[in-house]
């Protein structure tokens, strides 16, 4: 986050589809963890999720992770 707003990590649930020229794009994370700085440990946040806005984010890193459903064979 900009202005020393910390770091969020979680699962991307939804994101706004708007024109590329629009800076204010919302993203919604679930199963979210937060860290005040890069050196601090991440702690889980209470609540169902976190709504962030690209206007407040300095950079975003996306990691694709596939989790196999144990009920599927």
N, C-alpha and C. Protein backbone atom coordinates (compact mmCIF):
# COMPACT_ATOMS: atom_id res chain seq x y z
N UNK A 1 0.84 -1.18 0.00
CA UNK A 1 0.00 0.00 0.00
C UNK A 1 0.88 1.24 0.00
N UNK A 2 0.38 2.29 -0.55
CA UNK A 2 1.10 3.56 -0.55
C UNK A 2 1.08 4.19 0.83
N UNK A 3 1.96 5.12 1.07
CA UNK A 3 2.03 5.89 2.32
C UNK A 3 2.17 4.98 3.53
N UNK A 4 3.04 3.98 3.42
CA UNK A 4 3.33 3.05 4.52
C UNK A 4 2.08 2.38 5.05
N UNK A 5 1.19 2.00 4.16
CA UNK A 5 -0.06 1.37 4.55
C UNK A 5 0.05 -0.11 4.82
N UNK A 6 1.24 -0.68 4.70
CA UNK A 6 1.42 -2.08 4.99
C UNK A 6 1.25 -2.97 3.77
N UNK A 7 1.19 -4.27 4.04
CA UNK A 7 1.13 -5.28 2.98
C UNK A 7 -0.02 -6.24 3.27
N UNK A 8 -0.79 -6.55 2.24
CA UNK A 8 -1.89 -7.50 2.34
C UNK A 8 -1.59 -8.71 1.47
N UNK A 9 -1.97 -9.87 1.95
CA UNK A 9 -1.83 -11.10 1.18
C UNK A 9 -3.11 -11.89 1.34
N UNK A 10 -3.64 -12.42 0.25
CA UNK A 10 -4.87 -13.18 0.33
C UNK A 10 -5.27 -13.73 -1.02
N UNK A 11 -6.44 -14.31 -1.07
CA UNK A 11 -6.97 -14.86 -2.31
C UNK A 11 -7.80 -13.80 -3.02
N UNK A 12 -7.50 -13.60 -4.30
CA UNK A 12 -8.26 -12.64 -5.10
C UNK A 12 -9.62 -13.24 -5.39
N UNK A 13 -10.67 -12.59 -4.91
CA UNK A 13 -12.03 -13.09 -5.08
C UNK A 13 -12.74 -12.39 -6.24
N UNK A 14 -12.64 -11.05 -6.29
CA UNK A 14 -13.29 -10.28 -7.34
C UNK A 14 -12.46 -9.05 -7.67
N UNK A 15 -12.63 -8.55 -8.88
CA UNK A 15 -11.97 -7.32 -9.27
C UNK A 15 -12.85 -6.57 -10.25
N UNK A 16 -12.70 -5.26 -10.24
CA UNK A 16 -13.50 -4.41 -11.12
C UNK A 16 -12.93 -4.45 -12.54
N UNK A 17 -13.82 -4.59 -13.49
CA UNK A 17 -13.42 -4.53 -14.89
C UNK A 17 -13.84 -3.16 -15.40
N UNK A 18 -12.86 -2.28 -15.51
CA UNK A 18 -13.11 -0.92 -15.98
C UNK A 18 -12.05 -0.56 -17.01
N UNK A 19 -12.23 0.54 -17.67
CA UNK A 19 -11.28 1.01 -18.67
C UNK A 19 -9.89 1.18 -18.08
N UNK A 20 -8.85 0.88 -18.86
CA UNK A 20 -7.47 0.99 -18.40
C UNK A 20 -7.12 2.41 -17.93
N UNK A 21 -7.77 3.40 -18.45
CA UNK A 21 -7.47 4.78 -18.06
C UNK A 21 -8.01 5.10 -16.66
N UNK A 22 -8.91 4.29 -16.15
CA UNK A 22 -9.49 4.50 -14.82
C UNK A 22 -8.53 4.01 -13.74
N UNK A 23 -8.06 4.92 -12.88
CA UNK A 23 -7.11 4.56 -11.81
C UNK A 23 -7.79 3.88 -10.64
N UNK A 24 -9.04 4.20 -10.39
CA UNK A 24 -9.76 3.68 -9.22
C UNK A 24 -10.41 2.34 -9.54
N UNK A 25 -9.64 1.27 -9.41
CA UNK A 25 -10.14 -0.08 -9.66
C UNK A 25 -10.16 -0.84 -8.34
N UNK A 26 -11.28 -1.42 -8.01
CA UNK A 26 -11.40 -2.15 -6.75
C UNK A 26 -11.02 -3.61 -6.92
N UNK A 27 -10.40 -4.18 -5.88
CA UNK A 27 -10.14 -5.60 -5.82
C UNK A 27 -10.58 -6.09 -4.44
N UNK A 28 -11.08 -7.31 -4.39
CA UNK A 28 -11.58 -7.87 -3.14
C UNK A 28 -10.79 -9.14 -2.82
N UNK A 29 -10.17 -9.16 -1.65
CA UNK A 29 -9.38 -10.31 -1.19
C UNK A 29 -10.10 -11.01 -0.05
N UNK A 30 -10.01 -12.34 -0.02
CA UNK A 30 -10.52 -13.14 1.09
C UNK A 30 -9.36 -13.92 1.68
N UNK A 31 -9.56 -14.48 2.87
CA UNK A 31 -8.49 -15.19 3.59
C UNK A 31 -7.24 -14.30 3.65
N UNK A 32 -7.42 -13.11 4.20
CA UNK A 32 -6.41 -12.07 4.13
C UNK A 32 -5.49 -12.07 5.35
N UNK A 33 -4.21 -11.83 5.08
CA UNK A 33 -3.19 -11.64 6.10
C UNK A 33 -2.60 -10.25 5.90
N UNK A 34 -2.10 -9.64 6.99
CA UNK A 34 -1.58 -8.27 6.94
C UNK A 34 -0.24 -8.19 7.65
N UNK A 35 0.64 -7.37 7.11
CA UNK A 35 1.94 -7.09 7.72
C UNK A 35 2.20 -5.59 7.62
N UNK A 36 2.70 -4.98 8.71
CA UNK A 36 2.98 -3.54 8.70
C UNK A 36 4.20 -3.20 7.85
N UNK A 37 5.17 -4.13 7.79
CA UNK A 37 6.37 -3.89 6.98
C UNK A 37 6.84 -5.21 6.38
N UNK A 38 7.80 -5.13 5.48
CA UNK A 38 8.32 -6.34 4.85
C UNK A 38 9.02 -7.26 5.85
N UNK A 39 9.50 -6.70 6.95
CA UNK A 39 10.21 -7.49 7.95
C UNK A 39 9.28 -8.14 8.97
N UNK A 40 8.07 -7.64 9.14
CA UNK A 40 7.13 -8.16 10.12
C UNK A 40 6.48 -9.45 9.62
N UNK A 41 5.99 -10.25 10.55
CA UNK A 41 5.23 -11.44 10.21
C UNK A 41 3.82 -11.06 9.79
N UNK A 42 3.25 -11.84 8.89
CA UNK A 42 1.87 -11.64 8.48
C UNK A 42 0.94 -12.25 9.53
N UNK A 43 -0.14 -11.53 9.84
CA UNK A 43 -1.14 -12.03 10.79
C UNK A 43 -2.49 -12.06 10.08
N UNK A 44 -3.32 -13.06 10.38
CA UNK A 44 -4.63 -13.13 9.73
C UNK A 44 -5.54 -12.00 10.21
N UNK A 45 -6.34 -11.48 9.30
CA UNK A 45 -7.29 -10.43 9.63
C UNK A 45 -8.67 -11.03 9.89
N UNK A 46 -9.37 -10.46 10.86
CA UNK A 46 -10.75 -10.86 11.10
C UNK A 46 -11.63 -10.32 9.98
N UNK A 47 -12.75 -10.94 9.77
CA UNK A 47 -13.68 -10.46 8.77
C UNK A 47 -13.73 -11.38 7.57
N UNK A 48 -14.65 -11.08 6.69
CA UNK A 48 -14.85 -11.92 5.51
C UNK A 48 -13.87 -11.61 4.38
N UNK A 49 -13.35 -10.40 4.35
CA UNK A 49 -12.43 -10.02 3.28
C UNK A 49 -12.04 -8.57 3.40
N UNK A 50 -11.23 -8.12 2.43
CA UNK A 50 -10.76 -6.74 2.39
C UNK A 50 -10.96 -6.20 0.98
N UNK A 51 -11.56 -5.03 0.90
CA UNK A 51 -11.74 -4.34 -0.37
C UNK A 51 -10.65 -3.30 -0.50
N UNK A 52 -9.83 -3.43 -1.53
CA UNK A 52 -8.73 -2.50 -1.77
C UNK A 52 -8.97 -1.78 -3.09
N UNK A 53 -8.29 -0.66 -3.25
CA UNK A 53 -8.42 0.13 -4.46
C UNK A 53 -7.04 0.33 -5.08
N UNK A 54 -6.93 0.12 -6.39
CA UNK A 54 -5.64 0.25 -7.08
C UNK A 54 -5.02 1.63 -6.90
N UNK A 55 -5.85 2.65 -6.66
CA UNK A 55 -5.32 3.99 -6.43
C UNK A 55 -4.47 4.08 -5.18
N UNK A 56 -4.68 3.16 -4.24
CA UNK A 56 -3.93 3.14 -2.98
C UNK A 56 -2.76 2.15 -3.00
N UNK A 57 -2.67 1.35 -4.05
CA UNK A 57 -1.68 0.28 -4.10
C UNK A 57 -0.49 0.72 -4.95
N UNK A 58 0.70 0.50 -4.39
CA UNK A 58 1.91 0.84 -5.13
C UNK A 58 2.25 -0.25 -6.15
N UNK A 59 2.12 -1.50 -5.77
CA UNK A 59 2.37 -2.63 -6.67
C UNK A 59 1.56 -3.81 -6.17
N UNK A 60 1.25 -4.73 -7.07
CA UNK A 60 0.53 -5.93 -6.68
C UNK A 60 1.21 -7.13 -7.34
N UNK A 61 1.38 -8.18 -6.56
CA UNK A 61 1.98 -9.41 -7.06
C UNK A 61 0.92 -10.49 -6.99
N UNK A 62 0.74 -11.20 -8.09
CA UNK A 62 -0.26 -12.27 -8.14
C UNK A 62 0.48 -13.60 -8.28
N UNK A 63 0.12 -14.54 -7.41
CA UNK A 63 0.72 -15.88 -7.46
C UNK A 63 -0.41 -16.86 -7.70
N UNK A 64 -0.33 -17.61 -8.78
CA UNK A 64 -1.36 -18.60 -9.08
C UNK A 64 -1.04 -19.88 -8.32
N UNK A 65 -2.04 -20.36 -7.60
CA UNK A 65 -1.86 -21.59 -6.83
C UNK A 65 -3.09 -22.46 -7.07
N UNK A 66 -2.87 -23.68 -7.51
CA UNK A 66 -3.96 -24.60 -7.75
C UNK A 66 -4.06 -25.58 -6.60
N UNK A 67 -5.25 -25.66 -6.02
CA UNK A 67 -5.47 -26.58 -4.91
C UNK A 67 -6.44 -27.64 -5.38
N UNK A 68 -6.02 -28.89 -5.29
CA UNK A 68 -6.87 -29.99 -5.75
C UNK A 68 -7.97 -30.25 -4.72
N UNK A 69 -9.18 -30.40 -5.22
CA UNK A 69 -10.33 -30.71 -4.39
C UNK A 69 -10.25 -32.17 -3.98
N UNK A 70 -10.21 -32.47 -2.67
CA UNK A 70 -10.07 -33.87 -2.24
C UNK A 70 -11.27 -34.72 -2.59
N UNK A 71 -12.41 -34.10 -2.96
CA UNK A 71 -13.61 -34.85 -3.34
C UNK A 71 -13.61 -35.25 -4.80
N UNK A 72 -12.69 -34.68 -5.59
CA UNK A 72 -12.59 -35.03 -7.01
C UNK A 72 -11.53 -36.10 -7.21
N UNK A 73 -11.81 -37.03 -8.09
CA UNK A 73 -10.83 -38.08 -8.39
C UNK A 73 -10.73 -38.30 -9.87
